[in-house]
């Protein structure tokens, strides 16, 4: 399995089985991270982390503070795709693997505008 990243008519295929999606909350300016697995059933959310809390982004009751991050394991079915908006208010989404992160603009090869970017499990 691979991850396909699609934005504004450009599709990039990344050979990976797992990745971290990272971003900064546009209002609270707090860092978020989610660990995902690419599976035949779709994209599976394994763990979520937030560096703090604030309006509309409180960690759930099962979250535990570890290394300065509230972390928890969401229990939801694999997603067919993830559609990511780009408000321009908090910087870009970053896709990380093996400790290295790249913005979605770097991955697709052009500056992202207001159009959505879609992540999907692909062959």
N, C-alpha and C. Protein backbone atom coordinates (compact mmCIF):
# COMPACT_ATOMS: atom_id res chain seq x y z
N UNK A 1 0.84 -1.18 0.00
CA UNK A 1 0.00 0.00 0.00
C UNK A 1 0.88 1.25 0.00
N UNK A 2 0.33 2.31 -0.54
CA UNK A 2 1.00 3.61 -0.59
C UNK A 2 -0.01 4.68 -0.18
N UNK A 3 0.49 5.88 0.00
CA UNK A 3 -0.36 7.02 0.29
C UNK A 3 -0.35 7.94 -0.92
N UNK A 4 -1.52 8.30 -1.42
CA UNK A 4 -1.63 9.27 -2.51
C UNK A 4 -2.06 10.61 -1.91
N UNK A 5 -1.39 11.66 -2.36
CA UNK A 5 -1.66 13.03 -1.93
C UNK A 5 -2.12 13.78 -3.17
N UNK A 6 -3.36 14.28 -3.15
CA UNK A 6 -3.92 14.96 -4.32
C UNK A 6 -4.32 16.38 -3.98
N UNK A 7 -3.90 17.33 -4.84
CA UNK A 7 -4.26 18.74 -4.64
C UNK A 7 -4.18 19.47 -5.97
N UNK A 8 -5.25 20.18 -6.32
CA UNK A 8 -5.29 21.03 -7.51
C UNK A 8 -4.85 20.28 -8.77
N UNK A 9 -5.32 19.05 -8.93
CA UNK A 9 -5.02 18.28 -10.13
C UNK A 9 -3.69 17.55 -10.12
N UNK A 10 -2.92 17.68 -9.06
CA UNK A 10 -1.64 16.98 -8.93
C UNK A 10 -1.81 15.83 -7.94
N UNK A 11 -1.32 14.63 -8.32
CA UNK A 11 -1.36 13.48 -7.43
C UNK A 11 0.07 12.96 -7.26
N UNK A 12 0.51 12.85 -6.03
CA UNK A 12 1.82 12.28 -5.71
C UNK A 12 1.60 11.00 -4.92
N UNK A 13 2.34 9.97 -5.26
CA UNK A 13 2.26 8.69 -4.55
C UNK A 13 3.50 8.53 -3.68
N UNK A 14 3.28 8.25 -2.40
CA UNK A 14 4.37 8.07 -1.44
C UNK A 14 4.36 6.63 -0.97
N UNK A 15 5.47 5.94 -1.14
CA UNK A 15 5.58 4.55 -0.69
C UNK A 15 5.84 4.55 0.81
N UNK A 16 4.77 4.41 1.57
CA UNK A 16 4.90 4.34 3.03
C UNK A 16 3.72 3.59 3.61
N UNK A 17 3.93 3.00 4.76
CA UNK A 17 2.88 2.23 5.43
C UNK A 17 2.31 2.98 6.63
N UNK A 18 3.01 4.02 7.06
CA UNK A 18 2.58 4.79 8.23
C UNK A 18 3.14 6.20 8.10
N UNK A 19 2.43 7.16 8.71
CA UNK A 19 2.88 8.54 8.67
C UNK A 19 2.27 9.30 9.84
N UNK A 20 2.83 10.45 10.13
CA UNK A 20 2.27 11.37 11.12
C UNK A 20 1.82 12.62 10.39
N UNK A 21 0.61 13.04 10.67
CA UNK A 21 0.07 14.28 10.13
C UNK A 21 0.19 15.31 11.25
N UNK A 22 0.84 16.44 10.99
CA UNK A 22 1.08 17.45 12.02
C UNK A 22 0.59 18.81 11.53
N UNK A 23 0.08 19.62 12.46
CA UNK A 23 -0.37 20.96 12.12
C UNK A 23 -0.45 21.80 13.39
N UNK A 24 -0.64 23.10 13.19
CA UNK A 24 -0.81 24.04 14.29
C UNK A 24 -2.24 24.56 14.25
N UNK A 25 -2.92 24.50 15.38
CA UNK A 25 -4.31 24.98 15.47
C UNK A 25 -4.34 26.46 15.11
N UNK A 26 -5.27 26.86 14.24
CA UNK A 26 -5.28 28.21 13.70
C UNK A 26 -5.60 29.29 14.74
N UNK A 27 -6.37 28.98 15.76
CA UNK A 27 -6.72 29.98 16.77
C UNK A 27 -5.80 29.90 17.98
N UNK A 28 -5.67 28.71 18.55
CA UNK A 28 -4.90 28.52 19.78
C UNK A 28 -3.38 28.45 19.55
N UNK A 29 -2.97 28.24 18.29
CA UNK A 29 -1.53 28.12 17.94
C UNK A 29 -0.85 26.99 18.72
N UNK A 30 -1.57 25.90 18.89
CA UNK A 30 -1.08 24.73 19.62
C UNK A 30 -0.84 23.61 18.61
N UNK A 31 0.23 22.88 18.81
CA UNK A 31 0.62 21.80 17.90
C UNK A 31 -0.23 20.55 18.10
N UNK A 32 -0.66 19.96 16.98
CA UNK A 32 -1.39 18.69 16.96
C UNK A 32 -0.62 17.70 16.11
N UNK A 33 -0.72 16.42 16.44
CA UNK A 33 -0.14 15.35 15.62
C UNK A 33 -1.07 14.15 15.66
N UNK A 34 -1.15 13.46 14.53
CA UNK A 34 -1.90 12.21 14.46
C UNK A 34 -1.06 11.18 13.73
N UNK A 35 -1.00 9.99 14.28
CA UNK A 35 -0.29 8.87 13.65
C UNK A 35 -1.29 8.03 12.88
N UNK A 36 -1.01 7.77 11.61
CA UNK A 36 -1.90 7.03 10.73
C UNK A 36 -1.18 5.83 10.13
N UNK A 37 -1.94 4.79 9.83
CA UNK A 37 -1.46 3.61 9.09
C UNK A 37 -2.22 3.53 7.79
N UNK A 38 -1.52 3.15 6.73
CA UNK A 38 -2.13 2.94 5.42
C UNK A 38 -2.44 1.45 5.33
N UNK A 39 -3.73 1.11 5.21
CA UNK A 39 -4.15 -0.29 5.19
C UNK A 39 -5.05 -0.54 3.98
N UNK A 40 -5.28 -1.79 3.62
CA UNK A 40 -6.22 -2.08 2.52
C UNK A 40 -7.64 -1.57 2.81
N UNK A 41 -7.99 -1.41 4.09
CA UNK A 41 -9.31 -0.91 4.45
C UNK A 41 -9.39 0.62 4.41
N UNK A 42 -8.27 1.28 4.30
CA UNK A 42 -8.22 2.75 4.28
C UNK A 42 -7.17 3.28 5.23
N UNK A 43 -7.32 4.52 5.63
CA UNK A 43 -6.38 5.17 6.54
C UNK A 43 -6.88 4.99 7.97
N UNK A 44 -6.03 4.39 8.78
CA UNK A 44 -6.39 4.06 10.16
C UNK A 44 -5.68 5.00 11.13
N UNK A 45 -6.47 5.73 11.93
CA UNK A 45 -5.91 6.62 12.94
C UNK A 45 -5.49 5.79 14.15
N UNK A 46 -4.20 5.84 14.48
CA UNK A 46 -3.64 5.01 15.54
C UNK A 46 -3.53 5.79 16.85
N UNK A 47 -3.01 7.01 16.78
CA UNK A 47 -2.84 7.81 17.99
C UNK A 47 -2.94 9.29 17.63
N UNK A 48 -3.45 10.08 18.57
CA UNK A 48 -3.52 11.53 18.42
C UNK A 48 -2.81 12.17 19.61
N UNK A 49 -2.20 13.34 19.34
CA UNK A 49 -1.50 14.07 20.39
C UNK A 49 -1.76 15.57 20.21
N UNK A 50 -1.86 16.26 21.33
CA UNK A 50 -1.98 17.71 21.31
C UNK A 50 -1.08 18.28 22.40
N UNK A 51 -0.42 19.38 22.08
CA UNK A 51 0.58 19.96 22.99
C UNK A 51 -0.06 20.78 24.11
N UNK A 52 -1.33 21.03 24.05
CA UNK A 52 -2.03 21.79 25.07
C UNK A 52 -3.52 21.68 24.83
N UNK A 53 -4.27 22.59 25.38
CA UNK A 53 -5.71 22.57 25.16
C UNK A 53 -6.18 24.01 24.98
N UNK A 54 -7.42 24.13 24.54
CA UNK A 54 -7.99 25.45 24.33
C UNK A 54 -9.38 25.30 23.77
N UNK A 55 -9.95 26.40 23.36
CA UNK A 55 -11.32 26.43 22.87
C UNK A 55 -11.54 25.45 21.72
N UNK A 56 -12.42 24.48 21.96
CA UNK A 56 -12.79 23.53 20.92
C UNK A 56 -11.75 22.47 20.62
N UNK A 57 -10.73 22.36 21.42
CA UNK A 57 -9.69 21.37 21.14
C UNK A 57 -9.19 20.68 22.42
N UNK A 58 -10.11 20.45 23.32
CA UNK A 58 -9.74 19.79 24.56
C UNK A 58 -9.44 18.33 24.30
N UNK A 59 -8.38 17.78 24.90
CA UNK A 59 -8.14 16.35 24.75
C UNK A 59 -9.25 15.56 25.45
N UNK A 60 -9.55 14.37 24.97
CA UNK A 60 -10.62 13.59 25.60
C UNK A 60 -10.21 13.09 26.98
N UNK A 61 -11.18 12.63 27.78
CA UNK A 61 -10.88 12.18 29.15
C UNK A 61 -9.84 11.06 29.22
N UNK A 62 -9.75 10.22 28.19
CA UNK A 62 -8.79 9.10 28.22
C UNK A 62 -7.37 9.52 27.85
N UNK A 63 -7.16 10.78 27.46
CA UNK A 63 -5.82 11.26 27.11
C UNK A 63 -4.92 11.26 28.34
N UNK A 64 -3.66 10.95 28.10
CA UNK A 64 -2.65 10.95 29.17
C UNK A 64 -1.51 11.87 28.78
N UNK A 65 -0.98 12.62 29.75
CA UNK A 65 0.12 13.52 29.51
C UNK A 65 1.42 12.72 29.46
N UNK A 66 2.10 12.78 28.31
CA UNK A 66 3.37 12.07 28.12
C UNK A 66 4.34 12.99 27.38
N UNK A 67 5.44 13.32 28.02
CA UNK A 67 6.45 14.15 27.37
C UNK A 67 5.93 15.50 26.91
N UNK A 68 5.00 16.08 27.65
CA UNK A 68 4.46 17.38 27.31
C UNK A 68 3.30 17.35 26.32
N UNK A 69 2.88 16.16 25.90
CA UNK A 69 1.77 16.00 24.96
C UNK A 69 0.65 15.23 25.62
N UNK A 70 -0.60 15.66 25.41
CA UNK A 70 -1.74 14.83 25.76
C UNK A 70 -1.92 13.84 24.62
N UNK A 71 -1.86 12.54 24.91
CA UNK A 71 -1.93 11.51 23.87
C UNK A 71 -3.07 10.54 24.17
N UNK A 72 -3.71 10.06 23.11
CA UNK A 72 -4.78 9.07 23.24
C UNK A 72 -4.89 8.27 21.95
N UNK A 73 -5.56 7.14 22.04
CA UNK A 73 -5.79 6.27 20.89
C UNK A 73 -7.27 6.32 20.52
N UNK A 74 -7.62 7.09 19.50
CA UNK A 74 -9.02 7.15 19.07
C UNK A 74 -9.48 5.78 18.54
N UNK A 75 -10.71 5.47 18.74
CA UNK A 75 -11.26 4.21 18.25
C UNK A 75 -12.29 4.53 17.18
N UNK A 76 -11.86 4.48 15.93
CA UNK A 76 -12.78 4.74 14.82
C UNK A 76 -12.39 3.85 13.64
N UNK A 77 -13.33 3.62 12.80
CA UNK A 77 -13.10 2.77 11.62
C UNK A 77 -12.11 3.47 10.68
N UNK A 78 -11.37 2.69 9.89
CA UNK A 78 -10.49 3.30 8.89
C UNK A 78 -11.27 4.23 7.97
N UNK A 79 -10.63 5.32 7.59
CA UNK A 79 -11.23 6.32 6.72
C UNK A 79 -10.84 6.04 5.27
N UNK A 80 -11.79 6.18 4.35
CA UNK A 80 -11.46 5.99 2.94
C UNK A 80 -10.45 7.05 2.49
N UNK A 81 -10.66 8.28 2.97
CA UNK A 81 -9.75 9.37 2.63
C UNK A 81 -9.80 10.43 3.73
N UNK A 82 -8.83 11.33 3.68
CA UNK A 82 -8.81 12.49 4.56
C UNK A 82 -8.82 13.72 3.66
N UNK A 83 -9.74 14.61 3.88
CA UNK A 83 -9.80 15.84 3.11
C UNK A 83 -9.36 16.97 4.02
N UNK A 84 -8.26 17.62 3.66
CA UNK A 84 -7.64 18.63 4.50
C UNK A 84 -7.84 20.01 3.89
N UNK A 85 -8.40 20.92 4.65
CA UNK A 85 -8.56 22.30 4.21
C UNK A 85 -7.30 23.09 4.51
N UNK A 86 -7.19 24.23 3.89
CA UNK A 86 -6.04 25.09 4.10
C UNK A 86 -6.54 26.51 4.33
N UNK A 87 -6.65 26.90 5.59
CA UNK A 87 -7.19 28.23 5.90
C UNK A 87 -6.19 29.34 5.67
N UNK A 88 -4.90 29.00 5.66
CA UNK A 88 -3.88 30.04 5.55
C UNK A 88 -3.63 30.77 6.85
N UNK A 89 -4.29 30.36 7.93
CA UNK A 89 -4.20 31.05 9.22
C UNK A 89 -3.13 30.49 10.16
N UNK A 90 -2.64 29.28 9.88
CA UNK A 90 -1.74 28.66 10.86
C UNK A 90 -0.59 27.90 10.23
N UNK A 91 -0.22 28.22 9.06
CA UNK A 91 0.82 27.45 8.40
C UNK A 91 0.22 26.22 7.76
N UNK A 92 1.07 25.37 7.26
CA UNK A 92 0.61 24.23 6.47
C UNK A 92 0.57 22.94 7.26
N UNK A 93 -0.23 22.03 6.72
CA UNK A 93 -0.19 20.65 7.20
C UNK A 93 1.20 20.11 6.88
N UNK A 94 1.71 19.24 7.76
CA UNK A 94 3.00 18.60 7.52
C UNK A 94 2.81 17.09 7.60
N UNK A 95 3.45 16.39 6.70
CA UNK A 95 3.42 14.94 6.70
C UNK A 95 4.81 14.47 7.12
N UNK A 96 4.87 13.64 8.16
CA UNK A 96 6.15 13.23 8.73
C UNK A 96 6.29 11.72 8.68
N UNK A 97 7.49 11.27 8.49
CA UNK A 97 7.82 9.85 8.63
C UNK A 97 9.30 9.75 8.97
N UNK A 98 9.60 8.77 9.80
CA UNK A 98 10.98 8.55 10.26
C UNK A 98 11.62 9.82 10.81
N UNK A 99 10.82 10.65 11.50
CA UNK A 99 11.35 11.83 12.16
C UNK A 99 11.54 13.04 11.27
N UNK A 100 11.26 12.93 9.96
CA UNK A 100 11.41 14.06 9.04
C UNK A 100 10.04 14.50 8.55
N UNK A 101 9.81 15.82 8.53
CA UNK A 101 8.51 16.35 8.11
C UNK A 101 8.68 17.21 6.86
N UNK A 102 7.65 17.16 6.00
CA UNK A 102 7.59 18.02 4.81
C UNK A 102 6.19 18.62 4.73
N UNK A 103 6.11 19.86 4.27
CA UNK A 103 4.79 20.45 4.08
C UNK A 103 4.12 19.79 2.88
N UNK A 104 2.80 19.89 2.85
CA UNK A 104 2.09 19.34 1.70
C UNK A 104 2.47 20.08 0.42
N UNK A 105 2.79 21.37 0.49
CA UNK A 105 3.27 22.11 -0.69
C UNK A 105 4.55 21.48 -1.23
N UNK A 106 5.46 21.12 -0.34
CA UNK A 106 6.71 20.48 -0.78
C UNK A 106 6.41 19.15 -1.45
N UNK A 107 5.46 18.41 -0.92
CA UNK A 107 5.15 17.09 -1.46
C UNK A 107 4.51 17.19 -2.84
N UNK A 108 3.52 18.06 -3.01
CA UNK A 108 2.83 18.14 -4.30
C UNK A 108 3.57 19.01 -5.31
N UNK A 109 4.52 19.81 -4.85
CA UNK A 109 5.35 20.58 -5.78
C UNK A 109 4.79 21.95 -6.16
N UNK A 110 3.80 22.44 -5.44
CA UNK A 110 3.30 23.79 -5.66
C UNK A 110 2.70 24.32 -4.37
N UNK A 111 2.67 25.64 -4.25
CA UNK A 111 2.09 26.28 -3.06
C UNK A 111 0.60 25.99 -3.00
N UNK A 112 0.15 25.52 -1.86
CA UNK A 112 -1.27 25.22 -1.69
C UNK A 112 -2.05 26.50 -1.48
N UNK A 113 -3.19 26.57 -2.13
CA UNK A 113 -4.11 27.68 -1.91
C UNK A 113 -5.26 27.21 -1.05
N UNK A 114 -6.43 27.73 -1.31
CA UNK A 114 -7.60 27.40 -0.51
C UNK A 114 -8.21 26.06 -0.87
N UNK A 115 -7.79 25.46 -2.00
CA UNK A 115 -8.36 24.17 -2.40
C UNK A 115 -7.97 23.08 -1.39
N UNK A 116 -8.85 22.10 -1.22
CA UNK A 116 -8.53 21.01 -0.29
C UNK A 116 -7.46 20.08 -0.86
N UNK A 117 -6.79 19.40 0.05
CA UNK A 117 -5.84 18.36 -0.30
C UNK A 117 -6.41 17.05 0.23
N UNK A 118 -6.37 16.00 -0.58
CA UNK A 118 -6.93 14.72 -0.18
C UNK A 118 -5.81 13.69 -0.01
N UNK A 119 -5.86 12.98 1.11
CA UNK A 119 -4.96 11.84 1.35
C UNK A 119 -5.80 10.59 1.23
N UNK A 120 -5.28 9.59 0.51
CA UNK A 120 -6.03 8.35 0.31
C UNK A 120 -5.06 7.18 0.19
N UNK A 121 -5.45 6.03 0.72
CA UNK A 121 -4.66 4.81 0.54
C UNK A 121 -4.78 4.40 -0.92
N UNK A 122 -3.65 4.10 -1.55
CA UNK A 122 -3.66 3.70 -2.95
C UNK A 122 -2.67 2.56 -3.18
N UNK A 123 -2.81 1.92 -4.31
CA UNK A 123 -1.91 0.79 -4.67
C UNK A 123 -0.62 1.30 -5.27
